[in-house]
Amino acid sequence: MKNLYARRRREKGESVLDCLIREVGEETGLAVESVDQYLGHFDYTYARGRVSRQFVFALTPDKPGPIVLTEHDRHQWIRDADELPSITGELRAFLAMHRPHR
């Protein structure tokens, strides 16, 4: 199971990679085996107009599940962004740039 995407907020004094590993564990229950690639970033605009820069990485989890959500209502494994019911234009554009070639 490669290419799990994670994006969250760093705590004071925390490195980006430490943040990534911590947040993946907190939000999914998965341990990270390796951080495979920095994919880039995009600016996300919240409904209230606030903008947040999202840094996105591809990683490989230590074991394939189970997913235990703590901060979200659901998760979905997808092959293509078109399979998502509703995502922002910023995220859709970012995912389109990083779509695996078939």
PDB file of N, CA and C in Angstrom:
ATOM      1  N   MET A   1       0.861  -1.163   0.000  1.00  0.00           N
ATOM      2  CA  MET A   1       0.000   0.000   0.000  1.00  0.00           C
ATOM      3  C   MET A   1       0.908   1.225   0.000  1.00  0.00           C
ATOM      4  N   LYS A   2       1.150   1.753  -1.142  1.00  0.00           N
ATOM      5  CA  LYS A   2       1.989   2.949  -1.264  1.00  0.00           C
ATOM      6  C   LYS A   2       1.127   4.163  -1.521  1.00  0.00           C
ATOM      7  N   ASN A   3       1.775   5.311  -1.415  1.00  0.00           N
ATOM      8  CA  ASN A   3       1.151   6.581  -1.763  1.00  0.00           C
ATOM      9  C   ASN A   3      -0.052   6.936  -0.903  1.00  0.00           C
ATOM     10  N   LEU A   4       0.125   6.812   0.384  1.00  0.00           N
ATOM     11  CA  LEU A   4      -0.847   7.354   1.326  1.00  0.00           C
ATOM     12  C   LEU A   4      -0.500   8.825   1.475  1.00  0.00           C
ATOM     13  N   TYR A   5      -1.446   9.704   1.282  1.00  0.00           N
ATOM     14  CA  TYR A   5      -1.198  11.129   1.338  1.00  0.00           C
ATOM     15  C   TYR A   5      -1.592  11.666   2.701  1.00  0.00           C
ATOM     16  N   ALA A   6      -0.726  12.458   3.279  1.00  0.00           N
ATOM     17  CA  ALA A   6      -1.009  13.038   4.592  1.00  0.00           C
ATOM     18  C   ALA A   6      -0.664  14.516   4.557  1.00  0.00           C
ATOM     19  N   ARG A   7      -1.452  15.297   5.228  1.00  0.00           N
ATOM     20  CA  ARG A   7      -1.164  16.729   5.319  1.00  0.00           C
ATOM     21  C   ARG A   7      -1.780  17.246   6.605  1.00  0.00           C
ATOM     22  N   ARG A   8      -1.007  17.943   7.425  1.00  0.00           N
ATOM     23  CA  ARG A   8      -1.506  18.476   8.695  1.00  0.00           C
ATOM     24  C   ARG A   8      -0.630  19.620   9.168  1.00  0.00           C
ATOM     25  N   ARG A   9      -0.734  19.976  10.448  1.00  0.00           N
ATOM     26  CA  ARG A   9      -0.065  21.127  11.036  1.00  0.00           C
ATOM     27  C   ARG A   9       1.076  20.681  11.963  1.00  0.00           C
ATOM     28  N   ARG A  10       2.209  21.409  11.879  1.00  0.00           N
ATOM     29  CA  ARG A  10       3.361  21.128  12.731  1.00  0.00           C
ATOM     30  C   ARG A  10       3.192  21.732  14.107  1.00  0.00           C
ATOM     31  N   GLU A  11       3.712  21.032  15.102  1.00  0.00           N
ATOM     32  CA  GLU A  11       3.777  21.573  16.449  1.00  0.00           C
ATOM     33  C   GLU A  11       5.089  22.336  16.604  1.00  0.00           C
ATOM     34  N   LYS A  12       5.148  23.233  17.557  1.00  0.00           N
ATOM     35  CA  LYS A  12       6.330  24.060  17.770  1.00  0.00           C
ATOM     36  C   LYS A  12       7.574  23.183  17.974  1.00  0.00           C
ATOM     37  N   GLY A  13       8.625  23.484  17.204  1.00  0.00           N
ATOM     38  CA  GLY A  13       9.884  22.767  17.314  1.00  0.00           C
ATOM     39  C   GLY A  13       9.920  21.417  16.612  1.00  0.00           C
ATOM     40  N   GLU A  14       8.848  21.037  15.964  1.00  0.00           N
ATOM     41  CA  GLU A  14       8.753  19.731  15.320  1.00  0.00           C
ATOM     42  C   GLU A  14       9.203  19.831  13.858  1.00  0.00           C
ATOM     43  N   SER A  15       9.993  18.855  13.403  1.00  0.00           N
ATOM     44  CA  SER A  15      10.396  18.847  11.998  1.00  0.00           C
ATOM     45  C   SER A  15       9.199  18.458  11.134  1.00  0.00           C
ATOM     46  N   VAL A  16       9.278  18.765   9.863  1.00  0.00           N
ATOM     47  CA  VAL A  16       8.197  18.418   8.945  1.00  0.00           C
ATOM     48  C   VAL A  16       7.991  16.907   8.905  1.00  0.00           C
ATOM     49  N   LEU A  17       9.082  16.153   8.835  1.00  0.00           N
ATOM     50  CA  LEU A  17       8.951  14.695   8.774  1.00  0.00           C
ATOM     51  C   LEU A  17       8.404  14.117  10.074  1.00  0.00           C
ATOM     52  N   ASP A  18       8.850  14.648  11.221  1.00  0.00           N
ATOM     53  CA  ASP A  18       8.301  14.189  12.494  1.00  0.00           C
ATOM     54  C   ASP A  18       6.808  14.482  12.576  1.00  0.00           C
ATOM     55  N   CYS A  19       6.404  15.642  12.077  1.00  0.00           N
ATOM     56  CA  CYS A  19       4.988  16.009  12.041  1.00  0.00           C
ATOM     57  C   CYS A  19       4.212  15.018  11.175  1.00  0.00           C
ATOM     58  N   LEU A  20       4.727  14.734  10.016  1.00  0.00           N
ATOM     59  CA  LEU A  20       4.064  13.808   9.102  1.00  0.00           C
ATOM     60  C   LEU A  20       3.836  12.451   9.763  1.00  0.00           C
ATOM     61  N   ILE A  21       4.884  11.910  10.344  1.00  0.00           N
ATOM     62  CA  ILE A  21       4.807  10.585  10.973  1.00  0.00           C
ATOM     63  C   ILE A  21       3.830  10.606  12.151  1.00  0.00           C
ATOM     64  N   ARG A  22       3.880  11.654  12.971  1.00  0.00           N
ATOM     65  CA  ARG A  22       2.972  11.769  14.115  1.00  0.00           C
ATOM     66  C   ARG A  22       1.527  11.874  13.655  1.00  0.00           C
ATOM     67  N   GLU A  23       1.264  12.749  12.680  1.00  0.00           N
ATOM     68  CA  GLU A  23      -0.105  12.970  12.232  1.00  0.00           C
ATOM     69  C   GLU A  23      -0.702  11.733  11.564  1.00  0.00           C
ATOM     70  N   VAL A  24       0.083  11.024  10.768  1.00  0.00           N
ATOM     71  CA  VAL A  24      -0.423   9.795  10.154  1.00  0.00           C
ATOM     72  C   VAL A  24      -0.836   8.815  11.251  1.00  0.00           C
ATOM     73  N   GLY A  25       0.008   8.665  12.262  1.00  0.00           N
ATOM     74  CA  GLY A  25      -0.332   7.772  13.369  1.00  0.00           C
ATOM     75  C   GLY A  25      -1.569   8.221  14.117  1.00  0.00           C
ATOM     76  N   GLU A  26      -1.644   9.523  14.429  1.00  0.00           N
ATOM     77  CA  GLU A  26      -2.788  10.042  15.175  1.00  0.00           C
ATOM     78  C   GLU A  26      -4.094   9.937  14.390  1.00  0.00           C
ATOM     79  N   GLU A  27      -4.040  10.222  13.111  1.00  0.00           N
ATOM     80  CA  GLU A  27      -5.274  10.301  12.330  1.00  0.00           C
ATOM     81  C   GLU A  27      -5.723   8.978  11.727  1.00  0.00           C
ATOM     82  N   THR A  28      -4.800   8.023  11.554  1.00  0.00           N
ATOM     83  CA  THR A  28      -5.168   6.763  10.893  1.00  0.00           C
ATOM     84  C   THR A  28      -4.852   5.522  11.711  1.00  0.00           C
ATOM     85  N   GLY A  29      -3.992   5.652  12.718  1.00  0.00           N
ATOM     86  CA  GLY A  29      -3.559   4.490  13.467  1.00  0.00           C
ATOM     87  C   GLY A  29      -2.448   3.717  12.784  1.00  0.00           C
ATOM     88  N   LEU A  30      -1.963   4.193  11.634  1.00  0.00           N
ATOM     89  CA  LEU A  30      -0.909   3.497  10.896  1.00  0.00           C
ATOM     90  C   LEU A  30       0.468   4.009  11.306  1.00  0.00           C
ATOM     91  N   ALA A  31       1.427   3.097  11.399  1.00  0.00           N
ATOM     92  CA  ALA A  31       2.825   3.467  11.609  1.00  0.00           C
ATOM     93  C   ALA A  31       3.471   3.653  10.234  1.00  0.00           C
ATOM     94  N   VAL A  32       4.366   4.619  10.119  1.00  0.00           N
ATOM     95  CA  VAL A  32       5.017   4.912   8.841  1.00  0.00           C
ATOM     96  C   VAL A  32       6.307   4.104   8.725  1.00  0.00           C
ATOM     97  N   GLU A  33       6.426   3.341   7.645  1.00  0.00           N
ATOM     98  CA  GLU A  33       7.661   2.619   7.358  1.00  0.00           C
ATOM     99  C   GLU A  33       8.672   3.548   6.702  1.00  0.00           C
ATOM    100  N   SER A  34       8.216   4.296   5.681  1.00  0.00           N
ATOM    101  CA  SER A  34       9.123   5.210   4.992  1.00  0.00           C
ATOM    102  C   SER A  34       8.343   6.371   4.403  1.00  0.00           C
ATOM    103  N   VAL A  35       9.015   7.509   4.371  1.00  0.00           N
ATOM    104  CA  VAL A  35       8.499   8.671   3.656  1.00  0.00           C
ATOM    105  C   VAL A  35       9.169   8.631   2.292  1.00  0.00           C
ATOM    106  N   ASP A  36       8.381   8.395   1.261  1.00  0.00           N
ATOM    107  CA  ASP A  36       8.925   8.088  -0.055  1.00  0.00           C
ATOM    108  C   ASP A  36       9.205   9.313  -0.924  1.00  0.00           C
ATOM    109  N   GLN A  37       8.355  10.339  -0.782  1.00  0.00           N
ATOM    110  CA  GLN A  37       8.540  11.474  -1.684  1.00  0.00           C
ATOM    111  C   GLN A  37       7.759  12.676  -1.187  1.00  0.00           C
ATOM    112  N   TYR A  38       8.370  13.848  -1.314  1.00  0.00           N
ATOM    113  CA  TYR A  38       7.648  15.105  -1.139  1.00  0.00           C
ATOM    114  C   TYR A  38       6.998  15.403  -2.474  1.00  0.00           C
ATOM    115  N   LEU A  39       5.679  15.505  -2.504  1.00  0.00           N
ATOM    116  CA  LEU A  39       4.967  15.707  -3.770  1.00  0.00           C
ATOM    117  C   LEU A  39       4.757  17.175  -4.110  1.00  0.00           C
ATOM    118  N   GLY A  40       4.805  18.022  -3.097  1.00  0.00           N
ATOM    119  CA  GLY A  40       4.611  19.436  -3.348  1.00  0.00           C
ATOM    120  C   GLY A  40       3.645  20.039  -2.347  1.00  0.00           C
ATOM    121  N   HIS A  41       3.126  21.187  -2.694  1.00  0.00           N
ATOM    122  CA  HIS A  41       2.175  21.854  -1.808  1.00  0.00           C
ATOM    123  C   HIS A  41       1.135  22.604  -2.640  1.00  0.00           C
ATOM    124  N   PHE A  42       0.054  22.950  -1.973  1.00  0.00           N
ATOM    125  CA  PHE A  42      -0.969  23.784  -2.591  1.00  0.00           C
ATOM    126  C   PHE A  42      -1.590  24.636  -1.495  1.00  0.00           C
ATOM    127  N   ASP A  43      -2.196  25.730  -1.892  1.00  0.00           N
ATOM    128  CA  ASP A  43      -2.877  26.609  -0.944  1.00  0.00           C
ATOM    129  C   ASP A  43      -4.361  26.284  -0.950  1.00  0.00           C
ATOM    130  N   TYR A  44      -4.876  25.988   0.235  1.00  0.00           N
ATOM    131  CA  TYR A  44      -6.271  25.601   0.413  1.00  0.00           C
ATOM    132  C   TYR A  44      -7.034  26.772   1.012  1.00  0.00           C
ATOM    133  N   THR A  45      -8.154  27.124   0.431  1.00  0.00           N
ATOM    134  CA  THR A  45      -8.974  28.222   0.936  1.00  0.00           C
ATOM    135  C   THR A  45     -10.186  27.645   1.663  1.00  0.00           C
ATOM    136  N   TYR A  46     -10.278  27.926   2.957  1.00  0.00           N
ATOM    137  CA  TYR A  46     -11.405  27.466   3.760  1.00  0.00           C
ATOM    138  C   TYR A  46     -12.663  28.246   3.396  1.00  0.00           C
ATOM    139  N   ALA A  47     -13.817  27.724   3.775  1.00  0.00           N
ATOM    140  CA  ALA A  47     -15.101  28.363   3.466  1.00  0.00           C
ATOM    141  C   ALA A  47     -15.164  29.799   3.988  1.00  0.00           C
ATOM    142  N   ARG A  48     -14.493  30.084   5.100  1.00  0.00           N
ATOM    143  CA  ARG A  48     -14.501  31.435   5.674  1.00  0.00           C
ATOM    144  C   ARG A  48     -13.464  32.354   5.033  1.00  0.00           C
ATOM    145  N   GLY A  49     -12.750  31.863   4.010  1.00  0.00           N
ATOM    146  CA  GLY A  49     -11.794  32.691   3.301  1.00  0.00           C
ATOM    147  C   GLY A  49     -10.361  32.595   3.772  1.00  0.00           C
ATOM    148  N   ARG A  50     -10.095  31.889   4.852  1.00  0.00           N
ATOM    149  CA  ARG A  50      -8.729  31.717   5.358  1.00  0.00           C
ATOM    150  C   ARG A  50      -7.963  30.780   4.429  1.00  0.00           C
ATOM    151  N   VAL A  51      -6.695  31.100   4.188  1.00  0.00           N
ATOM    152  CA  VAL A  51      -5.860  30.289   3.307  1.00  0.00           C
ATOM    153  C   VAL A  51      -4.829  29.544   4.146  1.00  0.00           C
ATOM    154  N   SER A  52      -4.636  28.276   3.836  1.00  0.00           N
ATOM    155  CA  SER A  52      -3.664  27.434   4.530  1.00  0.00           C
ATOM    156  C   SER A  52      -2.830  26.695   3.492  1.00  0.00           C
ATOM    157  N   ARG A  53      -1.518  26.701   3.654  1.00  0.00           N
ATOM    158  CA  ARG A  53      -0.637  25.966   2.744  1.00  0.00           C
ATOM    159  C   ARG A  53      -0.552  24.511   3.211  1.00  0.00           C
ATOM    160  N   GLN A  54      -0.828  23.602   2.299  1.00  0.00           N
ATOM    161  CA  GLN A  54      -0.830  22.173   2.583  1.00  0.00           C
ATOM    162  C   GLN A  54       0.375  21.522   1.916  1.00  0.00           C
ATOM    163  N   PHE A  55       1.228  20.851   2.694  1.00  0.00           N
ATOM    164  CA  PHE A  55       2.383  20.131   2.174  1.00  0.00           C
ATOM    165  C   PHE A  55       1.994  18.661   2.070  1.00  0.00           C
ATOM    166  N   VAL A  56       2.315  18.039   0.940  1.00  0.00           N
ATOM    167  CA  VAL A  56       1.822  16.698   0.666  1.00  0.00           C
ATOM    168  C   VAL A  56       2.998  15.758   0.398  1.00  0.00           C
ATOM    169  N   PHE A  57       2.952  14.574   1.013  1.00  0.00           N
ATOM    170  CA  PHE A  57       3.991  13.566   0.880  1.00  0.00           C
ATOM    171  C   PHE A  57       3.357  12.231   0.503  1.00  0.00           C
ATOM    172  N   ALA A  58       4.118  11.396  -0.185  1.00  0.00           N
ATOM    173  CA  ALA A  58       3.741  10.001  -0.403  1.00  0.00           C
ATOM    174  C   ALA A  58       4.556   9.176   0.584  1.00  0.00           C
ATOM    175  N   LEU A  59       3.913   8.191   1.203  1.00  0.00           N
ATOM    176  CA  LEU A  59       4.622   7.369   2.171  1.00  0.00           C
ATOM    177  C   LEU A  59       4.134   5.941   2.102  1.00  0.00           C
ATOM    178  N   THR A  60       4.893   5.077   2.747  1.00  0.00           N
ATOM    179  CA  THR A  60       4.534   3.668   2.840  1.00  0.00           C
ATOM    180  C   THR A  60       4.289   3.334   4.300  1.00  0.00           C
ATOM    181  N   PRO A  61       3.091   2.838   4.634  1.00  0.00           N
ATOM    182  CA  PRO A  61       2.838   2.449   6.024  1.00  0.00           C
ATOM    183  C   PRO A  61       3.559   1.142   6.358  1.00  0.00           C
ATOM    184  N   ASP A  62       3.839   0.960   7.642  1.00  0.00           N
ATOM    185  CA  ASP A  62       4.519  -0.241   8.114  1.00  0.00           C
ATOM    186  C   ASP A  62       3.697  -1.487   7.809  1.00  0.00           C
ATOM    187  N   LYS A  63       2.389  -1.424   8.066  1.00  0.00           N
ATOM    188  CA  LYS A  63       1.473  -2.535   7.812  1.00  0.00           C
ATOM    189  C   LYS A  63       0.213  -1.961   7.174  1.00  0.00           C
ATOM    190  N   PRO A  64      -0.476  -2.750   6.351  1.00  0.00           N
ATOM    191  CA  PRO A  64      -1.659  -2.236   5.643  1.00  0.00           C
ATOM    192  C   PRO A  64      -2.941  -2.253   6.475  1.00  0.00           C
ATOM    193  N   GLY A  65      -2.985  -1.459   7.505  1.00  0.00           N
ATOM    194  CA  GLY A  65      -4.242  -1.289   8.239  1.00  0.00           C
ATOM    195  C   GLY A  65      -4.293  -2.049   9.525  1.00  0.00           C
ATOM    196  N   PRO A  66      -5.387  -2.036  10.221  1.00  0.00           N
ATOM    197  CA  PRO A  66      -6.635  -1.366   9.861  1.00  0.00           C
ATOM    198  C   PRO A  66      -6.542   0.152  10.071  1.00  0.00           C
ATOM    199  N   ILE A  67      -7.386   0.892   9.381  1.00  0.00           N
ATOM    200  CA  ILE A  67      -7.459   2.341   9.537  1.00  0.00           C
ATOM    201  C   ILE A  67      -8.345   2.635  10.741  1.00  0.00           C
ATOM    202  N   VAL A  68      -7.824   3.413  11.680  1.00  0.00           N
ATOM    203  CA  VAL A  68      -8.571   3.815  12.870  1.00  0.00           C
ATOM    204  C   VAL A  68      -8.625   5.335  12.870  1.00  0.00           C
ATOM    205  N   LEU A  69      -9.756   5.894  12.478  1.00  0.00           N
ATOM    206  CA  LEU A  69      -9.888   7.342  12.367  1.00  0.00           C
ATOM    207  C   LEU A  69     -10.164   7.972  13.725  1.00  0.00           C
ATOM    208  N   THR A  70      -9.472   9.090  14.000  1.00  0.00           N
ATOM    209  CA  THR A  70      -9.692   9.816  15.243  1.00  0.00           C
ATOM    210  C   THR A  70     -10.167  11.240  15.021  1.00  0.00           C
ATOM    211  N   GLU A  71      -9.913  11.801  13.846  1.00  0.00           N
ATOM    212  CA  GLU A  71     -10.263  13.197  13.591  1.00  0.00           C
ATOM    213  C   GLU A  71     -11.153  13.383  12.368  1.00  0.00           C
ATOM    214  N   HIS A  72     -11.577  12.310  11.740  1.00  0.00           N
ATOM    215  CA  HIS A  72     -12.374  12.394  10.523  1.00  0.00           C
ATOM    216  C   HIS A  72     -13.537  11.412  10.602  1.00  0.00           C
ATOM    217  N   ASP A  73     -14.546  11.645   9.772  1.00  0.00           N
ATOM    218  CA  ASP A  73     -15.731  10.795   9.761  1.00  0.00           C
ATOM    219  C   ASP A  73     -15.545   9.522   8.941  1.00  0.00           C
ATOM    220  N   ARG A  74     -14.716   9.609   7.894  1.00  0.00           N
ATOM    221  CA  ARG A  74     -14.547   8.457   7.011  1.00  0.00           C
ATOM    222  C   ARG A  74     -13.240   8.585   6.231  1.00  0.00           C
ATOM    223  N   HIS A  75     -12.858   7.504   5.589  1.00  0.00           N
ATOM    224  CA  HIS A  75     -11.726   7.530   4.661  1.00  0.00           C
ATOM    225  C   HIS A  75     -12.128   6.740   3.419  1.00  0.00           C
ATOM    226  N   GLN A  76     -11.368   6.929   2.354  1.00  0.00           N
ATOM    227  CA  GLN A  76     -11.670   6.240   1.109  1.00  0.00           C
ATOM    228  C   GLN A  76     -10.380   6.060   0.334  1.00  0.00           C
ATOM    229  N   TRP A  77     -10.067   4.832  -0.062  1.00  0.00           N
ATOM    230  CA  TRP A  77      -8.936   4.575  -0.951  1.00  0.00           C
ATOM    231  C   TRP A  77      -9.436   4.784  -2.368  1.00  0.00           C
ATOM    232  N   ILE A  78      -8.687   5.515  -3.158  1.00  0.00           N
ATOM    233  CA  ILE A  78      -9.113   5.816  -4.520  1.00  0.00           C
ATOM    234  C   ILE A  78      -7.996   5.563  -5.507  1.00  0.00           C
ATOM    235  N   ARG A  79      -8.367   5.368  -6.743  1.00  0.00           N
ATOM    236  CA  ARG A  79      -7.389   5.277  -7.834  1.00  0.00           C
ATOM    237  C   ARG A  79      -7.293   6.605  -8.575  1.00  0.00           C
ATOM    238  N   ASP A  80      -8.357   7.407  -8.491  1.00  0.00           N
ATOM    239  CA  ASP A  80      -8.418   8.644  -9.256  1.00  0.00           C
ATOM    240  C   ASP A  80      -9.245   9.668  -8.484  1.00  0.00           C
ATOM    241  N   ALA A  81      -8.879  10.931  -8.584  1.00  0.00           N
ATOM    242  CA  ALA A  81      -9.606  11.987  -7.877  1.00  0.00           C
ATOM    243  C   ALA A  81     -11.066  12.047  -8.286  1.00  0.00           C
ATOM    244  N   ASP A  82     -11.404  11.573  -9.473  1.00  0.00           N
ATOM    245  CA  ASP A  82     -12.796  11.581  -9.916  1.00  0.00           C
ATOM    246  C   ASP A  82     -13.673  10.650  -9.079  1.00  0.00           C
ATOM    247  N   GLU A  83     -13.065   9.739  -8.330  1.00  0.00           N
ATOM    248  CA  GLU A  83     -13.829   8.832  -7.479  1.00  0.00           C
ATOM    249  C   GLU A  83     -14.255   9.497  -6.172  1.00  0.00           C
ATOM    250  N   LEU A  84     -13.698  10.666  -5.858  1.00  0.00           N
ATOM    251  CA  LEU A  84     -14.056  11.354  -4.623  1.00  0.00           C
ATOM    252  C   LEU A  84     -15.390  12.075  -4.795  1.00  0.00           C
ATOM    253  N   PRO A  85     -16.249  11.999  -3.777  1.00  0.00           N
ATOM    254  CA  PRO A  85     -17.553  12.646  -3.912  1.00  0.00           C
ATOM    255  C   PRO A  85     -17.469  14.165  -3.955  1.00  0.00           C
ATOM    256  N   SER A  86     -16.604  14.772  -3.151  1.00  0.00           N
ATOM    257  CA  SER A  86     -16.531  16.231  -3.113  1.00  0.00           C
ATOM    258  C   SER A  86     -15.174  16.654  -2.565  1.00  0.00           C
ATOM    259  N   ILE A  87     -14.392  17.335  -3.396  1.00  0.00           N
ATOM    260  CA  ILE A  87     -13.117  17.875  -2.945  1.00  0.00           C
ATOM    261  C   ILE A  87     -12.977  19.289  -3.491  1.00  0.00           C
ATOM    262  N   THR A  88     -12.087  20.044  -2.883  1.00  0.00           N
ATOM    263  CA  THR A  88     -11.888  21.419  -3.336  1.00  0.00           C
ATOM    264  C   THR A  88     -11.187  21.434  -4.687  1.00  0.00           C
ATOM    265  N   GLY A  89     -11.340  22.532  -5.381  1.00  0.00           N
ATOM    266  CA  GLY A  89     -10.652  22.707  -6.657  1.00  0.00           C
ATOM    267  C   GLY A  89      -9.148  22.655  -6.501  1.00  0.00           C
ATOM    268  N   GLU A  90      -8.642  23.208  -5.382  1.00  0.00           N
ATOM    269  CA  GLU A  90      -7.186  23.196  -5.140  1.00  0.00           C
ATOM    270  C   GLU A  90      -6.669  21.761  -5.010  1.00  0.00           C
ATOM    271  N   LEU A  91      -7.384  20.945  -4.239  1.00  0.00           N
ATOM    272  CA  LEU A  91      -6.949  19.557  -4.057  1.00  0.00           C
ATOM    273  C   LEU A  91      -7.113  18.773  -5.349  1.00  0.00           C
ATOM    274  N   ARG A  92      -8.202  18.989  -6.070  1.00  0.00           N
ATOM    275  CA  ARG A  92      -8.414  18.284  -7.336  1.00  0.00           C
ATOM    276  C   ARG A  92      -7.275  18.596  -8.324  1.00  0.00           C
ATOM    277  N   ALA A  93      -6.868  19.877  -8.417  1.00  0.00           N
ATOM    278  CA  ALA A  93      -5.776  20.265  -9.319  1.00  0.00           C
ATOM    279  C   ALA A  93      -4.458  19.631  -8.883  1.00  0.00           C
ATOM    280  N   PHE A  94      -4.200  19.610  -7.579  1.00  0.00           N
ATOM    281  CA  PHE A  94      -2.968  19.009  -7.075  1.00  0.00           C
ATOM    282  C   PHE A  94      -2.936  17.519  -7.402  1.00  0.00           C
ATOM    283  N   LEU A  95      -4.022  16.821  -7.135  1.00  0.00           N
ATOM    284  CA  LEU A  95      -4.058  15.388  -7.400  1.00  0.00           C
ATOM    285  C   LEU A  95      -3.920  15.096  -8.904  1.00  0.00           C
ATOM    286  N   ALA A  96      -4.493  15.926  -9.739  1.00  0.00           N
ATOM    287  CA  ALA A  96      -4.373  15.729 -11.190  1.00  0.00           C
ATOM    288  C   ALA A  96      -2.924  15.826 -11.642  1.00  0.00           C
ATOM    289  N   MET A  97      -2.151  16.708 -11.007  1.00  0.00           N
ATOM    290  CA  MET A  97      -0.728  16.849 -11.358  1.00  0.00           C
ATOM    291  C   MET A  97       0.083  15.628 -10.935  1.00  0.00           C
ATOM    292  N   HIS A  98      -0.384  14.888  -9.930  1.00  0.00           N
ATOM    293  CA  HIS A  98       0.370  13.775  -9.380  1.00  0.00           C
ATOM    294  C   HIS A  98      -0.280  12.422  -9.657  1.00  0.00           C
ATOM    295  N   ARG A  99      -1.179  12.402 -10.601  1.00  0.00           N
ATOM    296  CA  ARG A  99      -1.873  11.174 -10.959  1.00  0.00           C
ATOM    297  C   ARG A  99      -0.882  10.186 -11.580  1.00  0.00           C
ATOM    298  N   PRO A 100      -0.879   8.946 -11.104  1.00  0.00           N
ATOM    299  CA  PRO A 100      -0.006   7.956 -11.745  1.00  0.00           C
ATOM    300  C   PRO A 100      -0.416   7.754 -13.195  1.00  0.00           C
ATOM    301  N   HIS A 101       0.559   7.581 -14.051  1.00  0.00           N
ATOM    302  CA  HIS A 101       0.269   7.333 -15.463  1.00  0.00           C
ATOM    303  C   HIS A 101      -0.191   5.904 -15.624  1.00  0.00           C
ATOM    304  N   ARG A 102      -1.257   5.726 -16.370  1.00  0.00           N
ATOM    305  CA  ARG A 102      -1.800   4.368 -16.557  1.00  0.00           C
ATOM    306  C   ARG A 102      -1.459   3.851 -17.931  1.00  0.00           C
TER     307      ARG A 102
END
